[in-house]
């Protein structure tokens, strides 16, 4: 599955793990992406969509 949202384009970003002793090691933050079937104009399409977009579409009443 893709790690990128097809709706908003949210993808993996990078940062640091910081331990108690303040040593920094690199890590990545992955978007919470799910495969979702959405009906648009009566046609069902399958999208990789992040949970933030799912929530926003649900509030707008556009998710099926």
Protein backbone atom coordinates (compact mmCIF):
# COMPACT_ATOMS: atom_id res chain seq x y z
CA UNK A 1 0.00 0.00 0.00
CA UNK A 2 1.15 3.50 -0.77
CA UNK A 3 2.29 5.69 2.10
CA UNK A 4 0.87 8.79 0.44
CA UNK A 5 -2.69 10.16 0.61
CA UNK A 6 -4.33 10.50 -2.83
CA UNK A 7 -6.53 13.37 -1.58
CA UNK A 8 -4.22 15.76 0.27
CA UNK A 9 -0.77 14.40 -0.68
CA UNK A 10 0.30 13.80 2.92
CA UNK A 11 3.37 11.50 2.90
CA UNK A 12 6.25 10.36 5.07
CA UNK A 13 8.24 13.05 6.89
CA UNK A 14 11.47 12.79 8.86
CA UNK A 15 12.52 13.74 12.36
CA UNK A 16 14.49 12.53 15.36
CA UNK A 17 14.04 10.09 18.20
CA UNK A 18 15.32 11.90 21.29
CA UNK A 19 16.28 9.73 24.24
CA UNK A 20 16.37 10.74 27.89
CA UNK A 21 20.09 11.50 27.49
CA UNK A 22 19.21 13.74 24.49
CA UNK A 23 20.93 11.51 21.91
CA UNK A 24 19.25 11.94 18.56
CA UNK A 25 18.67 9.19 16.01
CA UNK A 26 16.73 9.63 12.79
CA UNK A 27 13.20 8.28 12.37
CA UNK A 28 10.26 8.76 10.05
CA UNK A 29 6.67 9.78 10.66
CA UNK A 30 4.31 7.84 8.38
CA UNK A 31 0.86 9.07 7.39
CA UNK A 32 -2.04 6.91 8.64
CA UNK A 33 -3.19 5.81 5.16
CA UNK A 34 -5.97 3.30 4.41
CA UNK A 35 -7.47 1.89 1.23
CA UNK A 36 -11.03 3.18 1.00
CA UNK A 37 -13.73 2.76 -1.63
CA UNK A 38 -15.51 6.08 -2.23
CA UNK A 39 -18.46 6.78 -4.53
CA UNK A 40 -17.98 9.90 -6.67
CA UNK A 41 -20.78 10.83 -9.13
CA UNK A 42 -22.20 7.31 -8.84
CA UNK A 43 -18.87 5.67 -9.69
CA UNK A 44 -16.96 3.75 -7.03
CA UNK A 45 -13.23 4.46 -6.90
CA UNK A 46 -10.59 3.04 -4.59
CA UNK A 47 -8.30 5.59 -2.94
CA UNK A 48 -5.39 5.57 -0.54
CA UNK A 49 -6.72 8.13 1.92
CA UNK A 50 -5.40 9.38 5.26
CA UNK A 51 -7.65 9.30 8.32
CA UNK A 52 -7.80 13.10 8.48
CA UNK A 53 -9.29 13.23 4.96
CA UNK A 54 -11.66 10.36 5.81
CA UNK A 55 -12.92 12.35 8.78
CA UNK A 56 -13.30 15.54 6.75
CA UNK A 57 -15.18 13.75 3.95
CA UNK A 58 -17.42 12.08 6.52
CA UNK A 59 -18.28 15.44 8.10
CA UNK A 60 -19.06 16.88 4.65
CA UNK A 61 -21.35 13.91 4.00
CA UNK A 62 -19.41 12.79 0.94
CA UNK A 63 -18.09 9.43 2.14
CA UNK A 64 -20.08 6.34 1.21
